[in-house]
């Protein structure tokens, strides 16, 4: 099998998704041209959500952070964003790690994954949609397992991982919940995905047909 070329933009990862409330978002890989878009996105995230992401007060991204979060090889380091109106509303990234949890390169088959969703858009199913997409990307790149560290108070994110339907291990260490889950699709994960898509599509139709919504066809 050919090794994928590093830094080549993987356009086939782009996708439009219907969210839980019937709205839509465009999921795409993050590029180095997204620096300002990332900073603007982060400024719209609450201090609490930033704390859940970084486990410490983190009011702003440093230049080094911005570089790291916008420069990917699309093999061992991947970032995806959910985009609406040209602006980020949620992000996810994975970094391939070795057995000790340190950064690694192929053929290591585990990666650490982390999410951030703007507070105004939480509860719309963005994290679940991003997890579904980045899991597919990871499998394409030879990653078989994700690890995630989550603060116990971040119950929404723990629920996202639990509800995804993958085979999962969980343990508590140093005040953090560590989750590990295989990315091989299970009957439950496939059922969860289909159910999410069906509910989202139904909501989308409801929005279209709702009183006050008028679709004009032709002139």
Protein backbone atom coordinates (compact mmCIF):
# COMPACT_ATOMS: atom_id res chain seq x y z
CA UNK A 1 0.00 0.00 0.00
CA UNK A 2 1.29 3.47 -0.88
CA UNK A 3 2.15 5.82 1.92
CA UNK A 4 0.05 9.00 1.69
CA UNK A 5 2.05 12.09 0.83
CA UNK A 6 2.45 14.47 3.74
CA UNK A 7 0.91 17.94 3.55
CA UNK A 8 -1.22 17.23 0.46
CA UNK A 9 -4.65 18.68 1.20
CA UNK A 10 -7.11 15.77 1.46
CA UNK A 11 -10.13 17.31 -0.25
CA UNK A 12 -12.04 14.03 -0.07
CA UNK A 13 -12.37 14.52 3.70
CA UNK A 14 -14.69 17.49 3.17
CA UNK A 15 -18.37 16.87 3.89
CA UNK A 16 -21.61 18.69 4.56
CA UNK A 17 -23.49 17.45 7.62
CA UNK A 18 -26.99 17.99 8.97
CA UNK A 19 -26.96 18.74 12.69
CA UNK A 20 -29.32 17.71 15.45
CA UNK A 21 -31.49 20.82 15.06
CA UNK A 22 -31.70 20.49 11.28
CA UNK A 23 -29.05 23.12 10.59
CA UNK A 24 -26.03 22.34 8.42
CA UNK A 25 -22.26 22.68 8.72
CA UNK A 26 -19.33 22.00 6.43
CA UNK A 27 -16.58 19.79 7.84
CA UNK A 28 -13.12 20.21 6.33
CA UNK A 29 -9.43 19.85 7.19
CA UNK A 30 -7.78 22.82 8.89
CA UNK A 31 -4.98 24.47 6.90
CA UNK A 32 -2.23 26.98 7.61
CA UNK A 33 -4.42 29.68 6.02
CA UNK A 34 -6.89 29.31 8.91
CA UNK A 35 -4.79 31.11 11.54
CA UNK A 36 -7.04 34.16 11.90
CA UNK A 37 -10.17 32.04 11.63
CA UNK A 38 -8.89 29.85 14.49
CA UNK A 39 -8.06 32.83 16.71
CA UNK A 40 -11.49 34.38 16.07
CA UNK A 41 -13.14 31.04 16.87
CA UNK A 42 -11.24 30.68 20.14
CA UNK A 43 -12.22 34.18 21.27
CA UNK A 44 -15.88 33.10 21.12
CA UNK A 45 -15.33 30.14 23.48
CA UNK A 46 -16.12 30.56 27.19
CA UNK A 47 -13.45 30.35 29.88
CA UNK A 48 -15.11 27.19 31.18
CA UNK A 49 -14.93 25.43 27.80
CA UNK A 50 -11.31 26.50 27.41
CA UNK A 51 -10.57 25.06 30.85
CA UNK A 52 -12.20 21.76 29.90
CA UNK A 53 -10.05 21.64 26.75
CA UNK A 54 -6.67 22.53 28.31
CA UNK A 55 -7.22 21.59 32.01
CA UNK A 56 -6.10 25.07 33.08
CA UNK A 57 -7.06 28.70 32.50
CA UNK A 58 -6.17 29.40 28.87
CA UNK A 59 -7.55 32.81 27.86
CA UNK A 60 -5.83 33.03 24.47
CA UNK A 61 -3.83 30.98 22.01
CA UNK A 62 -0.14 31.78 21.69
CA UNK A 63 1.50 32.15 18.27
CA UNK A 64 3.03 28.73 18.86
CA UNK A 65 -0.42 27.25 19.57
CA UNK A 66 -1.87 28.77 16.41
CA UNK A 67 0.99 27.38 14.33
CA UNK A 68 0.60 23.94 15.87
CA UNK A 69 -3.16 23.85 15.44
CA UNK A 70 -3.08 24.99 11.80
CA UNK A 71 -0.08 23.05 10.45
CA UNK A 72 -0.77 19.36 9.88
CA UNK A 73 0.80 16.57 7.88
CA UNK A 74 -2.65 14.93 7.46
CA UNK A 75 -1.16 11.61 8.53
CA UNK A 76 0.12 11.75 12.11
CA UNK A 77 -1.44 15.14 12.94
CA UNK A 78 -4.89 16.02 11.64
CA UNK A 79 -7.29 18.83 12.48
CA UNK A 80 -10.86 19.21 11.24
CA UNK A 81 -13.25 22.13 11.64
CA UNK A 82 -17.00 22.51 11.38
CA UNK A 83 -17.61 25.67 9.37
CA UNK A 84 -20.73 27.84 9.05
CA UNK A 85 -20.74 31.06 7.06
CA UNK A 86 -17.00 30.79 6.54
CA UNK A 87 -16.29 30.72 10.29
CA UNK A 88 -15.25 27.90 12.61
CA UNK A 89 -17.84 26.80 15.16
CA UNK A 90 -16.11 23.59 16.35
CA UNK A 91 -12.78 21.81 15.93
CA UNK A 92 -11.28 18.39 16.52
CA UNK A 93 -7.72 17.12 16.15
CA UNK A 94 -5.76 13.96 16.63
CA UNK A 95 -2.06 13.42 17.26
CA UNK A 96 -0.59 9.97 16.77
CA UNK A 97 1.05 8.69 19.97
CA UNK A 98 3.17 5.73 21.02
CA UNK A 99 2.61 3.34 23.92
CA UNK A 100 3.97 5.91 26.39
CA UNK A 101 1.63 8.63 25.17
CA UNK A 102 4.39 10.57 23.42
CA UNK A 103 4.09 11.88 19.84
CA UNK A 104 4.78 9.15 17.31
CA UNK A 105 4.70 8.45 13.60
CA UNK A 106 3.33 5.56 11.58
CA UNK A 107 3.07 2.63 12.15
CA UNK A 108 1.92 3.50 15.71
CA UNK A 109 -1.81 2.76 15.70
CA UNK A 110 -3.10 5.01 18.51
CA UNK A 111 -3.87 8.72 18.55
CA UNK A 112 -4.99 11.23 21.14
CA UNK A 113 -8.13 13.16 20.18
CA UNK A 114 -9.49 16.46 21.51
CA UNK A 115 -12.49 18.66 20.71
CA UNK A 116 -13.59 22.25 21.20
CA UNK A 117 -17.09 23.53 20.41
CA UNK A 118 -18.21 27.13 20.72
CA UNK A 119 -20.68 27.44 23.59
CA UNK A 120 -23.36 28.96 21.36
CA UNK A 121 -23.32 25.80 19.24
CA UNK A 122 -23.09 23.15 21.95
CA UNK A 123 -25.92 20.63 22.03
CA UNK A 124 -26.31 20.59 18.23
CA UNK A 125 -24.44 17.31 17.72
CA UNK A 126 -21.26 18.90 16.38
CA UNK A 127 -18.87 16.87 18.54
CA UNK A 128 -20.62 13.63 17.56
CA UNK A 129 -20.44 14.52 13.86
CA UNK A 130 -16.77 15.50 14.14
CA UNK A 131 -15.94 12.31 16.04
CA UNK A 132 -17.57 10.25 13.30
CA UNK A 133 -15.55 12.02 10.61
CA UNK A 134 -12.18 12.07 12.33
CA UNK A 135 -12.57 8.39 13.23
CA UNK A 136 -12.99 7.62 9.52
CA UNK A 137 -9.92 9.75 8.73
CA UNK A 138 -7.90 7.98 11.41
CA UNK A 139 -8.83 4.54 10.09
CA UNK A 140 -7.73 5.66 6.62
CA UNK A 141 -4.35 6.64 8.11
CA UNK A 142 -3.84 3.32 9.89
CA UNK A 143 -4.96 4.37 13.36
CA UNK A 144 -7.02 1.75 15.17
CA UNK A 145 -7.60 3.35 18.55
CA UNK A 146 -8.30 6.78 20.05
CA UNK A 147 -7.38 7.96 23.54
CA UNK A 148 -8.90 11.01 25.20
CA UNK A 149 -8.40 12.68 28.56
CA UNK A 150 -11.47 14.45 29.95
CA UNK A 151 -12.11 16.25 33.22
CA UNK A 152 -14.85 14.49 35.25
CA UNK A 153 -16.95 17.66 35.24
CA UNK A 154 -17.02 17.67 31.44
CA UNK A 155 -19.97 15.30 31.34
CA UNK A 156 -21.11 16.43 27.87
CA UNK A 157 -17.87 15.28 26.27
CA UNK A 158 -17.82 12.01 28.19
CA UNK A 159 -21.35 11.38 26.92
CA UNK A 160 -20.26 12.04 23.31
CA UNK A 161 -17.62 9.31 23.57
CA UNK A 162 -19.91 6.90 25.41
CA UNK A 163 -22.83 7.38 23.04
CA UNK A 164 -20.68 6.86 19.93
CA UNK A 165 -21.01 3.09 20.34
CA UNK A 166 -17.35 2.06 20.06
CA UNK A 167 -15.79 -0.58 22.31
CA UNK A 168 -14.40 1.48 25.16
CA UNK A 169 -12.16 1.30 28.22
CA UNK A 170 -12.25 3.93 30.92
CA UNK A 171 -10.18 4.63 34.01
CA UNK A 172 -9.59 7.50 36.42
CA UNK A 173 -6.06 8.76 36.91
CA UNK A 174 -4.63 11.94 38.46
CA UNK A 175 -8.02 13.62 38.52
CA UNK A 176 -8.70 12.91 34.85
CA UNK A 177 -10.93 10.39 33.11
CA UNK A 178 -8.92 8.57 30.44
CA UNK A 179 -10.96 6.94 27.70
CA UNK A 180 -9.61 4.52 25.14
CA UNK A 181 -11.76 3.14 22.34
CA UNK A 182 -11.24 1.01 19.27
CA UNK A 183 -12.22 2.63 15.97
CA UNK A 184 -13.39 -0.59 14.38
CA UNK A 185 -17.09 -0.01 13.66
CA UNK A 186 -19.44 -2.05 15.85
CA UNK A 187 -23.08 -2.88 15.27
CA UNK A 188 -23.90 -0.24 17.88
CA UNK A 189 -21.67 2.49 16.41
CA UNK A 190 -23.16 1.91 12.95
CA UNK A 191 -26.67 2.03 14.41
CA UNK A 192 -25.84 5.25 16.29
CA UNK A 193 -24.53 6.83 13.09
CA UNK A 194 -27.61 5.88 11.08
CA UNK A 195 -29.97 7.03 13.82
CA UNK A 196 -28.19 10.40 14.06
CA UNK A 197 -28.40 10.89 10.30
CA UNK A 198 -32.10 9.98 10.20
CA UNK A 199 -33.00 12.30 13.08
CA UNK A 200 -30.98 15.15 11.60
CA UNK A 201 -32.56 14.73 8.17
CA UNK A 202 -36.05 14.67 9.72
CA UNK A 203 -35.30 17.89 11.61
CA UNK A 204 -34.02 19.45 8.40
CA UNK A 205 -37.29 18.66 6.63
CA UNK A 206 -39.28 20.01 9.60
CA UNK A 207 -37.38 23.29 9.40
CA UNK A 208 -38.08 23.55 5.69
CA UNK A 209 -41.81 22.93 6.16
CA UNK A 210 -42.23 24.97 9.34
CA UNK A 211 -44.73 27.85 9.26
CA UNK A 212 -42.94 31.02 8.28
CA UNK A 213 -40.48 29.15 6.07
CA UNK A 214 -41.15 29.69 2.39
CA UNK A 215 -39.24 27.99 -0.38
CA UNK A 216 -39.52 29.96 -3.62
CA UNK A 217 -38.88 27.93 -6.74
CA UNK A 218 -38.61 29.79 -10.01
CA UNK A 219 -39.71 33.37 -10.60
